[in-house]
ModelCIF file with pLDDT and N, C-alpha, C, O atoms, coordinates in Angstrom:
data_MODEL
#
_entry.id   MODEL 
#
_entity.id                         1 
_entity.type                       polymer 
_entity.pdbx_number_of_molecules   1 
#
_entity_poly.entity_id                      1 
_entity_poly.type                           'polypeptide(L)' 
_entity_poly.nstd_linkage                   no 
_entity_poly.nstd_monomer                   no 
_entity_poly.pdbx_seq_one_letter_code       KVAVPADLPPLVSEPELRLRAPEDVLRRMLALFVVAIRAESLTGDTP 
_entity_poly.pdbx_seq_one_letter_code_can   KVAVPADLPPLVSEPELRLRAPEDVLRRMLALFVVAIRAESLTGDTP 
_entity_poly.pdbx_strand_id                 A 
#
loop_
_entity_poly_seq.entity_id 
_entity_poly_seq.num 
_entity_poly_seq.mon_id 
_entity_poly_seq.hetero 
1 1  LYS n 
1 2  VAL n 
1 3  ALA n 
1 4  VAL n 
1 5  PRO n 
1 6  ALA n 
1 7  ASP n 
1 8  LEU n 
1 9  PRO n 
1 10 PRO n 
1 11 LEU n 
1 12 VAL n 
1 13 SER n 
1 14 GLU n 
1 15 PRO n 
1 16 GLU n 
1 17 LEU n 
1 18 ARG n 
1 19 LEU n 
1 20 ARG n 
1 21 ALA n 
1 22 PRO n 
1 23 GLU n 
1 24 ASP n 
1 25 VAL n 
1 26 LEU n 
1 27 ARG n 
1 28 ARG n 
1 29 MET n 
1 30 LEU n 
1 31 ALA n 
1 32 LEU n 
1 33 PHE n 
1 34 VAL n 
1 35 VAL n 
1 36 ALA n 
1 37 ILE n 
1 38 ARG n 
1 39 ALA n 
1 40 GLU n 
1 41 SER n 
1 42 LEU n 
1 43 THR n 
1 44 GLY n 
1 45 ASP n 
1 46 THR n 
1 47 PRO n 
#
_struct_asym.id          A 
_struct_asym.entity_id   1 
#
loop_
_ma_qa_metric.id 
_ma_qa_metric.mode 
_ma_qa_metric.name 
_ma_qa_metric.software_group_id 
_ma_qa_metric.type 
1 global pLDDT . pLDDT 
2 local  pLDDT . pLDDT 
#
_ma_qa_metric_global.metric_id      1 
_ma_qa_metric_global.metric_value   93.70 
_ma_qa_metric_global.model_id       1 
_ma_qa_metric_global.ordinal_id     1 
#
loop_
_ma_qa_metric_local.label_asym_id 
_ma_qa_metric_local.label_comp_id 
_ma_qa_metric_local.label_seq_id 
_ma_qa_metric_local.metric_id 
_ma_qa_metric_local.metric_value 
_ma_qa_metric_local.model_id 
_ma_qa_metric_local.ordinal_id 
A LYS 1  2 96.00 1 1  
A VAL 2  2 97.00 1 2  
A ALA 3  2 95.00 1 3  
A VAL 4  2 96.00 1 4  
A PRO 5  2 94.00 1 5  
A ALA 6  2 91.00 1 6  
A ASP 7  2 87.00 1 7  
A LEU 8  2 91.00 1 8  
A PRO 9  2 91.00 1 9  
A PRO 10 2 95.00 1 10 
A LEU 11 2 95.00 1 11 
A VAL 12 2 95.00 1 12 
A SER 13 2 96.00 1 13 
A GLU 14 2 96.00 1 14 
A PRO 15 2 94.00 1 15 
A GLU 16 2 94.00 1 16 
A LEU 17 2 94.00 1 17 
A ARG 18 2 93.00 1 18 
A LEU 19 2 95.00 1 19 
A ARG 20 2 95.00 1 20 
A ALA 21 2 93.00 1 21 
A PRO 22 2 92.00 1 22 
A GLU 23 2 89.00 1 23 
A ASP 24 2 92.00 1 24 
A VAL 25 2 93.00 1 25 
A LEU 26 2 91.00 1 26 
A ARG 27 2 91.00 1 27 
A ARG 28 2 95.00 1 28 
A MET 29 2 94.00 1 29 
A LEU 30 2 93.00 1 30 
A ALA 31 2 95.00 1 31 
A LEU 32 2 97.00 1 32 
A PHE 33 2 96.00 1 33 
A VAL 34 2 96.00 1 34 
A VAL 35 2 97.00 1 35 
A ALA 36 2 97.00 1 36 
A ILE 37 2 95.00 1 37 
A ARG 38 2 96.00 1 38 
A ALA 39 2 97.00 1 39 
A GLU 40 2 96.00 1 40 
A SER 41 2 95.00 1 41 
A LEU 42 2 95.00 1 42 
A THR 43 2 93.00 1 43 
A GLY 44 2 89.00 1 44 
A ASP 45 2 86.00 1 45 
A THR 46 2 89.00 1 46 
A PRO 47 2 92.00 1 47 
#
loop_
_atom_site.group_PDB 
_atom_site.id 
_atom_site.type_symbol 
_atom_site.label_atom_id 
_atom_site.label_alt_id 
_atom_site.label_comp_id 
_atom_site.label_asym_id 
_atom_site.label_entity_id 
_atom_site.label_seq_id 
_atom_site.pdbx_PDB_ins_code 
_atom_site.Cartn_x 
_atom_site.Cartn_y 
_atom_site.Cartn_z 
_atom_site.occupancy 
_atom_site.B_iso_or_equiv 
_atom_site.pdbx_formal_charge 
_atom_site.auth_seq_id 
_atom_site.auth_comp_id 
_atom_site.auth_asym_id 
_atom_site.auth_atom_id 
_atom_site.pdbx_PDB_model_num 
ATOM 1   N N  . LYS A 1 1  ? 0.729  -1.461 -0.214  1.00 96.00 ? 1  LYS A N  1 
ATOM 2   C CA . LYS A 1 1  ? 0.039  -0.184 0.217   1.00 96.00 ? 1  LYS A CA 1 
ATOM 3   C C  . LYS A 1 1  ? 0.912  1.396  -0.055  1.00 96.00 ? 1  LYS A C  1 
ATOM 4   O O  . LYS A 1 1  ? 0.785  2.408  0.635   1.00 96.00 ? 1  LYS A O  1 
ATOM 5   N N  . VAL A 1 2  ? 1.699  1.237  -1.130  1.00 97.00 ? 2  VAL A N  1 
ATOM 6   C CA . VAL A 1 2  ? 2.553  2.233  -1.329  1.00 97.00 ? 2  VAL A CA 1 
ATOM 7   C C  . VAL A 1 2  ? 2.116  2.556  -2.367  1.00 97.00 ? 2  VAL A C  1 
ATOM 8   O O  . VAL A 1 2  ? 1.891  1.795  -3.308  1.00 97.00 ? 2  VAL A O  1 
ATOM 9   N N  . ALA A 1 3  ? 1.812  4.546  -2.313  1.00 95.00 ? 3  ALA A N  1 
ATOM 10  C CA . ALA A 1 3  ? 1.812  4.829  -3.798  1.00 95.00 ? 3  ALA A CA 1 
ATOM 11  C C  . ALA A 1 3  ? 3.112  5.193  -4.632  1.00 95.00 ? 3  ALA A C  1 
ATOM 12  O O  . ALA A 1 3  ? 4.177  5.183  -4.016  1.00 95.00 ? 3  ALA A O  1 
ATOM 13  N N  . VAL A 1 4  ? 3.114  5.432  -5.642  1.00 96.00 ? 4  VAL A N  1 
ATOM 14  C CA . VAL A 1 4  ? 4.268  6.153  -6.354  1.00 96.00 ? 4  VAL A CA 1 
ATOM 15  C C  . VAL A 1 4  ? 3.550  6.061  -7.817  1.00 96.00 ? 4  VAL A C  1 
ATOM 16  O O  . VAL A 1 4  ? 2.821  5.197  -8.304  1.00 96.00 ? 4  VAL A O  1 
ATOM 17  N N  . PRO A 1 5  ? 4.040  7.279  -8.316  1.00 94.00 ? 5  PRO A N  1 
ATOM 18  C CA . PRO A 1 5  ? 3.173  7.533  -9.790  1.00 94.00 ? 5  PRO A CA 1 
ATOM 19  C C  . PRO A 1 5  ? 3.809  6.844  -10.910 1.00 94.00 ? 5  PRO A C  1 
ATOM 20  O O  . PRO A 1 5  ? 5.035  6.815  -11.018 1.00 94.00 ? 5  PRO A O  1 
ATOM 21  N N  . ALA A 1 6  ? 2.939  6.228  -11.833 1.00 91.00 ? 6  ALA A N  1 
ATOM 22  C CA . ALA A 1 6  ? 3.124  5.208  -12.479 1.00 91.00 ? 6  ALA A CA 1 
ATOM 23  C C  . ALA A 1 6  ? 4.076  5.517  -13.939 1.00 91.00 ? 6  ALA A C  1 
ATOM 24  O O  . ALA A 1 6  ? 4.270  4.841  -14.949 1.00 91.00 ? 6  ALA A O  1 
ATOM 25  N N  . ASP A 1 7  ? 4.449  6.588  -13.595 1.00 87.00 ? 7  ASP A N  1 
ATOM 26  C CA . ASP A 1 7  ? 5.226  7.745  -14.503 1.00 87.00 ? 7  ASP A CA 1 
ATOM 27  C C  . ASP A 1 7  ? 6.894  7.744  -14.136 1.00 87.00 ? 7  ASP A C  1 
ATOM 28  O O  . ASP A 1 7  ? 7.834  7.851  -14.924 1.00 87.00 ? 7  ASP A O  1 
ATOM 29  N N  . LEU A 1 8  ? 6.918  7.595  -12.764 1.00 91.00 ? 8  LEU A N  1 
ATOM 30  C CA . LEU A 1 8  ? 8.533  7.493  -12.662 1.00 91.00 ? 8  LEU A CA 1 
ATOM 31  C C  . LEU A 1 8  ? 9.104  6.301  -13.163 1.00 91.00 ? 8  LEU A C  1 
ATOM 32  O O  . LEU A 1 8  ? 8.569  5.206  -12.989 1.00 91.00 ? 8  LEU A O  1 
ATOM 33  N N  . PRO A 1 9  ? 10.462 6.505  -13.947 1.00 91.00 ? 9  PRO A N  1 
ATOM 34  C CA . PRO A 1 9  ? 10.934 5.983  -14.999 1.00 91.00 ? 9  PRO A CA 1 
ATOM 35  C C  . PRO A 1 9  ? 11.689 4.292  -14.448 1.00 91.00 ? 9  PRO A C  1 
ATOM 36  O O  . PRO A 1 9  ? 11.843 3.863  -13.304 1.00 91.00 ? 9  PRO A O  1 
ATOM 37  N N  . PRO A 1 10 ? 11.931 3.843  -15.390 1.00 95.00 ? 10 PRO A N  1 
ATOM 38  C CA . PRO A 1 10 ? 12.452 2.739  -15.280 1.00 95.00 ? 10 PRO A CA 1 
ATOM 39  C C  . PRO A 1 10 ? 14.173 3.338  -14.843 1.00 95.00 ? 10 PRO A C  1 
ATOM 40  O O  . PRO A 1 10 ? 14.720 4.417  -15.070 1.00 95.00 ? 10 PRO A O  1 
ATOM 41  N N  . LEU A 1 11 ? 14.581 2.287  -14.248 1.00 95.00 ? 11 LEU A N  1 
ATOM 42  C CA . LEU A 1 11 ? 16.426 2.573  -13.919 1.00 95.00 ? 11 LEU A CA 1 
ATOM 43  C C  . LEU A 1 11 ? 17.274 1.789  -14.637 1.00 95.00 ? 11 LEU A C  1 
ATOM 44  O O  . LEU A 1 11 ? 16.812 1.025  -15.484 1.00 95.00 ? 11 LEU A O  1 
ATOM 45  N N  . VAL A 1 12 ? 18.606 1.869  -14.404 1.00 95.00 ? 12 VAL A N  1 
ATOM 46  C CA . VAL A 1 12 ? 19.866 1.097  -15.251 1.00 95.00 ? 12 VAL A CA 1 
ATOM 47  C C  . VAL A 1 12 ? 19.460 -0.069 -14.873 1.00 95.00 ? 12 VAL A C  1 
ATOM 48  O O  . VAL A 1 12 ? 19.017 -0.482 -13.801 1.00 95.00 ? 12 VAL A O  1 
ATOM 49  N N  . SER A 1 13 ? 19.690 -0.629 -16.028 1.00 96.00 ? 13 SER A N  1 
ATOM 50  C CA . SER A 1 13 ? 19.242 -2.265 -16.275 1.00 96.00 ? 13 SER A CA 1 
ATOM 51  C C  . SER A 1 13 ? 20.610 -2.792 -16.449 1.00 96.00 ? 13 SER A C  1 
ATOM 52  O O  . SER A 1 13 ? 21.643 -2.148 -16.631 1.00 96.00 ? 13 SER A O  1 
ATOM 53  N N  . GLU A 1 14 ? 20.406 -4.387 -16.341 1.00 96.00 ? 14 GLU A N  1 
ATOM 54  C CA . GLU A 1 14 ? 21.958 -5.081 -16.584 1.00 96.00 ? 14 GLU A CA 1 
ATOM 55  C C  . GLU A 1 14 ? 22.728 -4.915 -17.742 1.00 96.00 ? 14 GLU A C  1 
ATOM 56  O O  . GLU A 1 14 ? 23.955 -5.006 -17.782 1.00 96.00 ? 14 GLU A O  1 
ATOM 57  N N  . PRO A 1 15 ? 21.837 -4.621 -18.874 1.00 94.00 ? 15 PRO A N  1 
ATOM 58  C CA . PRO A 1 15 ? 22.687 -4.724 -20.560 1.00 94.00 ? 15 PRO A CA 1 
ATOM 59  C C  . PRO A 1 15 ? 23.473 -3.574 -20.733 1.00 94.00 ? 15 PRO A C  1 
ATOM 60  O O  . PRO A 1 15 ? 24.356 -3.442 -21.580 1.00 94.00 ? 15 PRO A O  1 
ATOM 61  N N  . GLU A 1 16 ? 22.852 -2.119 -19.268 1.00 94.00 ? 16 GLU A N  1 
ATOM 62  C CA . GLU A 1 16 ? 23.497 -1.231 -19.135 1.00 94.00 ? 16 GLU A CA 1 
ATOM 63  C C  . GLU A 1 16 ? 24.779 -0.758 -18.022 1.00 94.00 ? 16 GLU A C  1 
ATOM 64  O O  . GLU A 1 16 ? 25.412 0.289  -17.888 1.00 94.00 ? 16 GLU A O  1 
ATOM 65  N N  . LEU A 1 17 ? 24.817 -2.524 -17.083 1.00 94.00 ? 17 LEU A N  1 
ATOM 66  C CA . LEU A 1 17 ? 25.515 -2.114 -16.068 1.00 94.00 ? 17 LEU A CA 1 
ATOM 67  C C  . LEU A 1 17 ? 26.697 -1.687 -16.012 1.00 94.00 ? 17 LEU A C  1 
ATOM 68  O O  . LEU A 1 17 ? 27.426 -2.139 -16.895 1.00 94.00 ? 17 LEU A O  1 
ATOM 69  N N  . ARG A 1 18 ? 27.355 -0.686 -15.001 1.00 93.00 ? 18 ARG A N  1 
ATOM 70  C CA . ARG A 1 18 ? 28.706 -1.350 -14.644 1.00 93.00 ? 18 ARG A CA 1 
ATOM 71  C C  . ARG A 1 18 ? 29.008 -0.958 -13.043 1.00 93.00 ? 18 ARG A C  1 
ATOM 72  O O  . ARG A 1 18 ? 29.169 0.151  -12.535 1.00 93.00 ? 18 ARG A O  1 
ATOM 73  N N  . LEU A 1 19 ? 29.023 -2.383 -12.404 1.00 95.00 ? 19 LEU A N  1 
ATOM 74  C CA . LEU A 1 19 ? 29.183 -2.302 -10.978 1.00 95.00 ? 19 LEU A CA 1 
ATOM 75  C C  . LEU A 1 19 ? 30.346 -2.072 -10.691 1.00 95.00 ? 19 LEU A C  1 
ATOM 76  O O  . LEU A 1 19 ? 31.191 -2.128 -11.584 1.00 95.00 ? 19 LEU A O  1 
ATOM 77  N N  . ARG A 1 20 ? 30.756 -1.710 -9.196  1.00 95.00 ? 20 ARG A N  1 
ATOM 78  C CA . ARG A 1 20 ? 31.923 -1.773 -8.790  1.00 95.00 ? 20 ARG A CA 1 
ATOM 79  C C  . ARG A 1 20 ? 33.040 -2.731 -8.695  1.00 95.00 ? 20 ARG A C  1 
ATOM 80  O O  . ARG A 1 20 ? 32.747 -3.159 -9.812  1.00 95.00 ? 20 ARG A O  1 
ATOM 81  N N  . ALA A 1 21 ? 33.668 -3.176 -8.494  1.00 93.00 ? 21 ALA A N  1 
ATOM 82  C CA . ALA A 1 21 ? 34.239 -4.197 -8.260  1.00 93.00 ? 21 ALA A CA 1 
ATOM 83  C C  . ALA A 1 21 ? 34.366 -4.981 -6.914  1.00 93.00 ? 21 ALA A C  1 
ATOM 84  O O  . ALA A 1 21 ? 34.376 -4.052 -6.106  1.00 93.00 ? 21 ALA A O  1 
ATOM 85  N N  . PRO A 1 22 ? 34.449 -5.912 -6.328  1.00 92.00 ? 22 PRO A N  1 
ATOM 86  C CA . PRO A 1 22 ? 33.836 -6.509 -5.371  1.00 92.00 ? 22 PRO A CA 1 
ATOM 87  C C  . PRO A 1 22 ? 35.299 -6.088 -3.939  1.00 92.00 ? 22 PRO A C  1 
ATOM 88  O O  . PRO A 1 22 ? 35.221 -6.000 -2.714  1.00 92.00 ? 22 PRO A O  1 
ATOM 89  N N  . GLU A 1 23 ? 36.478 -5.931 -4.918  1.00 89.00 ? 23 GLU A N  1 
ATOM 90  C CA . GLU A 1 23 ? 37.359 -5.432 -3.777  1.00 89.00 ? 23 GLU A CA 1 
ATOM 91  C C  . GLU A 1 23 ? 36.866 -3.948 -3.460  1.00 89.00 ? 23 GLU A C  1 
ATOM 92  O O  . GLU A 1 23 ? 36.481 -3.605 -2.342  1.00 89.00 ? 23 GLU A O  1 
ATOM 93  N N  . ASP A 1 24 ? 36.917 -3.184 -4.467  1.00 92.00 ? 24 ASP A N  1 
ATOM 94  C CA . ASP A 1 24 ? 36.327 -1.500 -4.419  1.00 92.00 ? 24 ASP A CA 1 
ATOM 95  C C  . ASP A 1 24 ? 35.049 -1.741 -2.981  1.00 92.00 ? 24 ASP A C  1 
ATOM 96  O O  . ASP A 1 24 ? 35.247 -1.274 -1.860  1.00 92.00 ? 24 ASP A O  1 
ATOM 97  N N  . VAL A 1 25 ? 34.153 -2.318 -3.254  1.00 93.00 ? 25 VAL A N  1 
ATOM 98  C CA . VAL A 1 25 ? 32.911 -2.557 -2.448  1.00 93.00 ? 25 VAL A CA 1 
ATOM 99  C C  . VAL A 1 25 ? 33.161 -2.573 -0.939  1.00 93.00 ? 25 VAL A C  1 
ATOM 100 O O  . VAL A 1 25 ? 32.442 -2.049 -0.087  1.00 93.00 ? 25 VAL A O  1 
ATOM 101 N N  . LEU A 1 26 ? 34.639 -3.464 -0.683  1.00 91.00 ? 26 LEU A N  1 
ATOM 102 C CA . LEU A 1 26 ? 34.916 -4.408 0.634   1.00 91.00 ? 26 LEU A CA 1 
ATOM 103 C C  . LEU A 1 26 ? 35.283 -3.109 1.067   1.00 91.00 ? 26 LEU A C  1 
ATOM 104 O O  . LEU A 1 26 ? 34.594 -2.655 1.980   1.00 91.00 ? 26 LEU A O  1 
ATOM 105 N N  . ARG A 1 27 ? 36.508 -2.170 0.488   1.00 91.00 ? 27 ARG A N  1 
ATOM 106 C CA . ARG A 1 27 ? 37.173 -1.027 1.142   1.00 91.00 ? 27 ARG A CA 1 
ATOM 107 C C  . ARG A 1 27 ? 36.122 0.032  1.750   1.00 91.00 ? 27 ARG A C  1 
ATOM 108 O O  . ARG A 1 27 ? 35.953 0.471  2.888   1.00 91.00 ? 27 ARG A O  1 
ATOM 109 N N  . ARG A 1 28 ? 35.397 0.290  0.343   1.00 95.00 ? 28 ARG A N  1 
ATOM 110 C CA . ARG A 1 28 ? 33.905 1.306  0.957   1.00 95.00 ? 28 ARG A CA 1 
ATOM 111 C C  . ARG A 1 28 ? 33.521 0.459  2.250   1.00 95.00 ? 28 ARG A C  1 
ATOM 112 O O  . ARG A 1 28 ? 34.197 0.738  3.241   1.00 95.00 ? 28 ARG A O  1 
ATOM 113 N N  . MET A 1 29 ? 32.937 -0.135 2.348   1.00 94.00 ? 29 MET A N  1 
ATOM 114 C CA . MET A 1 29 ? 32.564 -0.818 3.473   1.00 94.00 ? 29 MET A CA 1 
ATOM 115 C C  . MET A 1 29 ? 32.648 -0.863 4.527   1.00 94.00 ? 29 MET A C  1 
ATOM 116 O O  . MET A 1 29 ? 31.737 -0.803 5.353   1.00 94.00 ? 29 MET A O  1 
ATOM 117 N N  . LEU A 1 30 ? 34.561 -1.061 4.817   1.00 93.00 ? 30 LEU A N  1 
ATOM 118 C CA . LEU A 1 30 ? 35.444 -0.396 5.853   1.00 93.00 ? 30 LEU A CA 1 
ATOM 119 C C  . LEU A 1 30 ? 35.531 1.097  6.177   1.00 93.00 ? 30 LEU A C  1 
ATOM 120 O O  . LEU A 1 30 ? 35.338 1.696  7.235   1.00 93.00 ? 30 LEU A O  1 
ATOM 121 N N  . ALA A 1 31 ? 35.813 1.442  5.186   1.00 95.00 ? 31 ALA A N  1 
ATOM 122 C CA . ALA A 1 31 ? 35.646 3.113  5.279   1.00 95.00 ? 31 ALA A CA 1 
ATOM 123 C C  . ALA A 1 31 ? 34.374 3.476  6.165   1.00 95.00 ? 31 ALA A C  1 
ATOM 124 O O  . ALA A 1 31 ? 34.407 3.808  7.350   1.00 95.00 ? 31 ALA A O  1 
ATOM 125 N N  . LEU A 1 32 ? 33.436 3.371  5.497   1.00 97.00 ? 32 LEU A N  1 
ATOM 126 C CA . LEU A 1 32 ? 32.395 3.493  6.211   1.00 97.00 ? 32 LEU A CA 1 
ATOM 127 C C  . LEU A 1 32 ? 32.453 3.289  7.627   1.00 97.00 ? 32 LEU A C  1 
ATOM 128 O O  . LEU A 1 32 ? 32.201 4.197  8.418   1.00 97.00 ? 32 LEU A O  1 
ATOM 129 N N  . PHE A 1 33 ? 32.783 2.100  7.986   1.00 96.00 ? 33 PHE A N  1 
ATOM 130 C CA . PHE A 1 33 ? 32.912 1.663  9.224   1.00 96.00 ? 33 PHE A CA 1 
ATOM 131 C C  . PHE A 1 33 ? 33.768 2.632  10.640  1.00 96.00 ? 33 PHE A C  1 
ATOM 132 O O  . PHE A 1 33 ? 33.569 3.119  11.753  1.00 96.00 ? 33 PHE A O  1 
ATOM 133 N N  . VAL A 1 34 ? 34.808 2.429  9.569   1.00 96.00 ? 34 VAL A N  1 
ATOM 134 C CA . VAL A 1 34 ? 36.236 3.236  11.000  1.00 96.00 ? 34 VAL A CA 1 
ATOM 135 C C  . VAL A 1 34 ? 35.232 4.799  11.119  1.00 96.00 ? 34 VAL A C  1 
ATOM 136 O O  . VAL A 1 34 ? 35.292 5.507  12.124  1.00 96.00 ? 34 VAL A O  1 
ATOM 137 N N  . VAL A 1 35 ? 34.302 5.155  9.849   1.00 97.00 ? 35 VAL A N  1 
ATOM 138 C CA . VAL A 1 35 ? 34.134 6.667  10.134  1.00 97.00 ? 35 VAL A CA 1 
ATOM 139 C C  . VAL A 1 35 ? 32.441 6.967  11.198  1.00 97.00 ? 35 VAL A C  1 
ATOM 140 O O  . VAL A 1 35 ? 32.154 7.970  11.853  1.00 97.00 ? 35 VAL A O  1 
ATOM 141 N N  . ALA A 1 36 ? 31.654 5.739  11.012  1.00 97.00 ? 36 ALA A N  1 
ATOM 142 C CA . ALA A 1 36 ? 30.566 5.485  12.000  1.00 97.00 ? 36 ALA A CA 1 
ATOM 143 C C  . ALA A 1 36 ? 31.137 4.718  13.433  1.00 97.00 ? 36 ALA A C  1 
ATOM 144 O O  . ALA A 1 36 ? 30.947 5.385  14.449  1.00 97.00 ? 36 ALA A O  1 
ATOM 145 N N  . ILE A 1 37 ? 31.597 3.815  13.562  1.00 95.00 ? 37 ILE A N  1 
ATOM 146 C CA . ILE A 1 37 ? 32.703 3.871  14.674  1.00 95.00 ? 37 ILE A CA 1 
ATOM 147 C C  . ILE A 1 37 ? 32.541 4.923  15.696  1.00 95.00 ? 37 ILE A C  1 
ATOM 148 O O  . ILE A 1 37 ? 31.764 5.140  16.626  1.00 95.00 ? 37 ILE A O  1 
ATOM 149 N N  . ARG A 1 38 ? 34.168 5.825  14.864  1.00 96.00 ? 38 ARG A N  1 
ATOM 150 C CA . ARG A 1 38 ? 34.608 6.834  15.341  1.00 96.00 ? 38 ARG A CA 1 
ATOM 151 C C  . ARG A 1 38 ? 33.167 7.819  15.705  1.00 96.00 ? 38 ARG A C  1 
ATOM 152 O O  . ARG A 1 38 ? 33.287 8.750  16.501  1.00 96.00 ? 38 ARG A O  1 
ATOM 153 N N  . ALA A 1 39 ? 32.175 7.601  15.224  1.00 97.00 ? 39 ALA A N  1 
ATOM 154 C CA . ALA A 1 39 ? 30.738 8.897  15.666  1.00 97.00 ? 39 ALA A CA 1 
ATOM 155 C C  . ALA A 1 39 ? 30.640 8.315  16.268  1.00 97.00 ? 39 ALA A C  1 
ATOM 156 O O  . ALA A 1 39 ? 31.496 8.535  17.125  1.00 97.00 ? 39 ALA A O  1 
ATOM 157 N N  . GLU A 1 40 ? 29.729 7.039  16.667  1.00 96.00 ? 40 GLU A N  1 
ATOM 158 C CA . GLU A 1 40 ? 29.301 6.452  17.621  1.00 96.00 ? 40 GLU A CA 1 
ATOM 159 C C  . GLU A 1 40 ? 29.980 6.397  19.050  1.00 96.00 ? 40 GLU A C  1 
ATOM 160 O O  . GLU A 1 40 ? 29.332 6.469  20.094  1.00 96.00 ? 40 GLU A O  1 
ATOM 161 N N  . SER A 1 41 ? 31.578 6.238  18.973  1.00 95.00 ? 41 SER A N  1 
ATOM 162 C CA . SER A 1 41 ? 32.196 6.793  20.172  1.00 95.00 ? 41 SER A CA 1 
ATOM 163 C C  . SER A 1 41 ? 32.246 8.212  20.533  1.00 95.00 ? 41 SER A C  1 
ATOM 164 O O  . SER A 1 41 ? 32.343 8.663  21.675  1.00 95.00 ? 41 SER A O  1 
ATOM 165 N N  . LEU A 1 42 ? 32.200 8.605  19.873  1.00 95.00 ? 42 LEU A N  1 
ATOM 166 C CA . LEU A 1 42 ? 31.847 10.297 20.057  1.00 95.00 ? 42 LEU A CA 1 
ATOM 167 C C  . LEU A 1 42 ? 30.727 10.514 20.621  1.00 95.00 ? 42 LEU A C  1 
ATOM 168 O O  . LEU A 1 42 ? 30.807 11.346 21.525  1.00 95.00 ? 42 LEU A O  1 
ATOM 169 N N  . THR A 1 43 ? 29.614 10.050 20.424  1.00 93.00 ? 43 THR A N  1 
ATOM 170 C CA . THR A 1 43 ? 28.682 10.094 21.786  1.00 93.00 ? 43 THR A CA 1 
ATOM 171 C C  . THR A 1 43 ? 28.512 9.434  22.941  1.00 93.00 ? 43 THR A C  1 
ATOM 172 O O  . THR A 1 43 ? 27.461 9.452  23.581  1.00 93.00 ? 43 THR A O  1 
ATOM 173 N N  . GLY A 1 44 ? 29.846 8.634  23.360  1.00 89.00 ? 44 GLY A N  1 
ATOM 174 C CA . GLY A 1 44 ? 29.769 8.414  25.010  1.00 89.00 ? 44 GLY A CA 1 
ATOM 175 C C  . GLY A 1 44 ? 30.641 9.172  25.772  1.00 89.00 ? 44 GLY A C  1 
ATOM 176 O O  . GLY A 1 44 ? 30.746 10.392 25.900  1.00 89.00 ? 44 GLY A O  1 
ATOM 177 N N  . ASP A 1 45 ? 31.041 8.560  26.091  1.00 86.00 ? 45 ASP A N  1 
ATOM 178 C CA . ASP A 1 45 ? 32.566 8.975  27.473  1.00 86.00 ? 45 ASP A CA 1 
ATOM 179 C C  . ASP A 1 45 ? 33.828 8.229  27.073  1.00 86.00 ? 45 ASP A C  1 
ATOM 180 O O  . ASP A 1 45 ? 34.786 8.477  27.806  1.00 86.00 ? 45 ASP A O  1 
ATOM 181 N N  . THR A 1 46 ? 34.043 7.413  26.128  1.00 89.00 ? 46 THR A N  1 
ATOM 182 C CA . THR A 1 46 ? 35.422 6.601  25.649  1.00 89.00 ? 46 THR A CA 1 
ATOM 183 C C  . THR A 1 46 ? 35.349 6.955  24.038  1.00 89.00 ? 46 THR A C  1 
ATOM 184 O O  . THR A 1 46 ? 35.130 6.105  23.175  1.00 89.00 ? 46 THR A O  1 
ATOM 185 N N  . PRO A 1 47 ? 35.572 8.355  23.785  1.00 92.00 ? 47 PRO A N  1 
ATOM 186 C CA . PRO A 1 47 ? 36.017 8.109  22.221  1.00 92.00 ? 47 PRO A CA 1 
ATOM 187 C C  . PRO A 1 47 ? 37.356 7.492  21.770  1.00 92.00 ? 47 PRO A C  1 
ATOM 188 O O  . PRO A 1 47 ? 37.598 7.348  20.572  1.00 92.00 ? 47 PRO A O  1 
#
């Protein structure tokens, strides 16, 4: 029961796709983790 307009367009599909390489995705995930854990620690008493 989530209404969205019928004319919202399709998006990129398989013949057009250029995915990030798995090793780049892993590095990006770890980079996000260190900034997230740093941010979380700043909300407590032991940054």
